[in-house]
Amino acid sequence: ILMILLAKPLTIVAGVCLKPFMDPLLKLLVVMIATPIIMNAFQLWVTDNFIKKREYADQGDNFSRGSVTSLLVGDGARVSQ
C-alpha cells in the first residue's frame, strides 16, 4: 500500500538519483550492485550499534577503567590503575 501511495514521489527520486548515469548498463550496475552494498552496510552498522548499546546497558554503571580497556583490548585484559 505504501508503494502505491508513494509511487509518484519514489519515481521522481529514482529519476533524480539515476540521471547522472546515461548508460543503461551503468544504471543496472548502480541498481543491482552499488545500492544493495550500501544498504547492507547501513543495515550492518545500525544492527551493530544496537548490539553495542545493549552490551553497555547490560554492564550498567559499573564501568571501571579496566573494564573499558578490556572491551577495547580483549578478554581478560586489565590495566592497573
C-alpha atoms as a PDB file:
ATOM      1  CA  ILE A   1       0.000   0.000   0.000  1.00  0.00           C
ATOM      2  CA  LEU A   2       2.851   2.367   0.864  1.00  0.00           C
ATOM      3  CA  MET A   3       4.491   1.890  -2.527  1.00  0.00           C
ATOM      4  CA  ILE A   4       1.203   2.540  -4.300  1.00  0.00           C
ATOM      5  CA  LEU A   5       0.648   5.744  -2.344  1.00  0.00           C
ATOM      6  CA  LEU A   6       4.222   6.949  -2.826  1.00  0.00           C
ATOM      7  CA  ALA A   7       4.703   5.747  -6.411  1.00  0.00           C
ATOM      8  CA  LYS A   8       4.973   9.226  -7.930  1.00  0.00           C
ATOM      9  CA  PRO A   9       7.467  10.668  -5.388  1.00  0.00           C
ATOM     10  CA  LEU A  10       9.573   7.484  -5.471  1.00  0.00           C
ATOM     11  CA  THR A  11       9.696   7.625  -9.259  1.00  0.00           C
ATOM     12  CA  ILE A  12      10.890  11.226  -9.115  1.00  0.00           C
ATOM     13  CA  VAL A  13      13.582  10.407  -6.544  1.00  0.00           C
ATOM     14  CA  ALA A  14      14.768   7.411  -8.587  1.00  0.00           C
ATOM     15  CA  GLY A  15      14.922   9.550 -11.732  1.00  0.00           C
ATOM     16  CA  VAL A  16      16.974  12.235  -9.985  1.00  0.00           C
ATOM     17  CA  CYS A  17      19.366   9.667  -8.472  1.00  0.00           C
ATOM     18  CA  LEU A  18      19.921   7.841 -11.768  1.00  0.00           C
ATOM     19  CA  LYS A  19      20.038  10.923 -14.030  1.00  0.00           C
ATOM     20  CA  PRO A  20      23.874  11.219 -13.934  1.00  0.00           C
ATOM     21  CA  PHE A  21      24.169   7.668 -15.304  1.00  0.00           C
ATOM     22  CA  MET A  22      23.302   7.789 -19.002  1.00  0.00           C
ATOM     23  CA  ASP A  23      24.468   4.291 -19.976  1.00  0.00           C
ATOM     24  CA  PRO A  24      21.808   1.629 -19.232  1.00  0.00           C
ATOM     25  CA  LEU A  25      24.485  -0.855 -18.138  1.00  0.00           C
ATOM     26  CA  LEU A  26      25.870   1.675 -15.670  1.00  0.00           C
ATOM     27  CA  LYS A  27      22.365   2.249 -14.296  1.00  0.00           C
ATOM     28  CA  LEU A  28      21.978  -1.510 -13.920  1.00  0.00           C
ATOM     29  CA  LEU A  29      25.311  -1.678 -12.070  1.00  0.00           C
ATOM     30  CA  VAL A  30      24.190   1.041  -9.673  1.00  0.00           C
ATOM     31  CA  VAL A  31      20.757  -0.514  -9.070  1.00  0.00           C
ATOM     32  CA  MET A  32      21.840  -4.145  -8.786  1.00  0.00           C
ATOM     33  CA  ILE A  33      25.266  -3.872  -7.113  1.00  0.00           C
ATOM     34  CA  ALA A  34      26.093  -0.468  -5.613  1.00  0.00           C
ATOM     35  CA  THR A  35      22.749   0.212  -3.946  1.00  0.00           C
ATOM     36  CA  PRO A  36      22.467  -3.221  -2.232  1.00  0.00           C
ATOM     37  CA  ILE A  37      26.051  -2.945  -0.958  1.00  0.00           C
ATOM     38  CA  ILE A  38      25.363   0.485   0.520  1.00  0.00           C
ATOM     39  CA  MET A  39      22.062  -0.615   2.046  1.00  0.00           C
ATOM     40  CA  ASN A  40      23.600  -3.791   3.540  1.00  0.00           C
ATOM     41  CA  ALA A  41      26.451  -1.752   5.033  1.00  0.00           C
ATOM     42  CA  PHE A  42      23.923   0.643   6.565  1.00  0.00           C
ATOM     43  CA  GLN A  43      21.901  -2.271   7.991  1.00  0.00           C
ATOM     44  CA  LEU A  44      25.052  -3.823   9.467  1.00  0.00           C
ATOM     45  CA  TRP A  45      26.075  -0.509  11.038  1.00  0.00           C
ATOM     46  CA  VAL A  46      22.635   0.042  12.621  1.00  0.00           C
ATOM     47  CA  THR A  47      22.452  -3.539  13.926  1.00  0.00           C
ATOM     48  CA  ASP A  48      25.970  -3.301  15.345  1.00  0.00           C
ATOM     49  CA  ASN A  49      25.082  -0.103  17.179  1.00  0.00           C
ATOM     50  CA  PHE A  50      22.021  -1.765  18.725  1.00  0.00           C
ATOM     51  CA  ILE A  51      24.127  -4.710  19.889  1.00  0.00           C
ATOM     52  CA  LYS A  52      26.811  -2.442  21.351  1.00  0.00           C
ATOM     53  CA  LYS A  53      24.201  -0.328  23.113  1.00  0.00           C
ATOM     54  CA  ARG A  54      22.689  -3.460  24.675  1.00  0.00           C
ATOM     55  CA  GLU A  55      26.120  -4.674  25.854  1.00  0.00           C
ATOM     56  CA  TYR A  56      26.877  -1.342  27.512  1.00  0.00           C
ATOM     57  CA  ALA A  57      23.409  -1.233  29.113  1.00  0.00           C
ATOM     58  CA  ASP A  58      23.839  -4.777  30.470  1.00  0.00           C
ATOM     59  CA  GLN A  59      27.053  -3.793  32.223  1.00  0.00           C
ATOM     60  CA  GLY A  60      25.348  -0.820  33.856  1.00  0.00           C
ATOM     61  CA  ASP A  61      27.250   1.976  35.512  1.00  0.00           C
ATOM     62  CA  ASN A  62      29.954  -0.346  36.841  1.00  0.00           C
ATOM     63  CA  PHE A  63      32.483   0.690  34.237  1.00  0.00           C
ATOM     64  CA  SER A  64      35.909   0.847  35.732  1.00  0.00           C
ATOM     65  CA  ARG A  65      38.924   1.875  33.763  1.00  0.00           C
ATOM     66  CA  GLY A  66      39.955  -1.764  33.436  1.00  0.00           C
ATOM     67  CA  SER A  67      36.607  -2.973  32.122  1.00  0.00           C
ATOM     68  CA  VAL A  68      36.534  -0.347  29.375  1.00  0.00           C
ATOM     69  CA  THR A  69      40.088  -1.232  28.425  1.00  0.00           C
ATOM     70  CA  SER A  70      39.230  -4.922  28.372  1.00  0.00           C
ATOM     71  CA  LEU A  71      36.455  -4.165  25.889  1.00  0.00           C
ATOM     72  CA  LEU A  72      38.975  -2.420  23.666  1.00  0.00           C
ATOM     73  CA  VAL A  73      41.935  -4.764  24.146  1.00  0.00           C
ATOM     74  CA  GLY A  74      40.279  -8.143  24.532  1.00  0.00           C
ATOM     75  CA  ASP A  75      39.004 -10.639  27.073  1.00  0.00           C
ATOM     76  CA  GLY A  76      40.735 -10.688  30.408  1.00  0.00           C
ATOM     77  CA  ALA A  77      42.985  -7.706  29.775  1.00  0.00           C
ATOM     78  CA  ARG A  78      43.154  -5.348  32.721  1.00  0.00           C
ATOM     79  CA  VAL A  79      45.096  -2.155  33.177  1.00  0.00           C
ATOM     80  CA  SER A  80      46.421  -1.342  36.608  1.00  0.00           C
ATOM     81  CA  GLN A  81      45.190   1.981  37.914  1.00  0.00           C
END
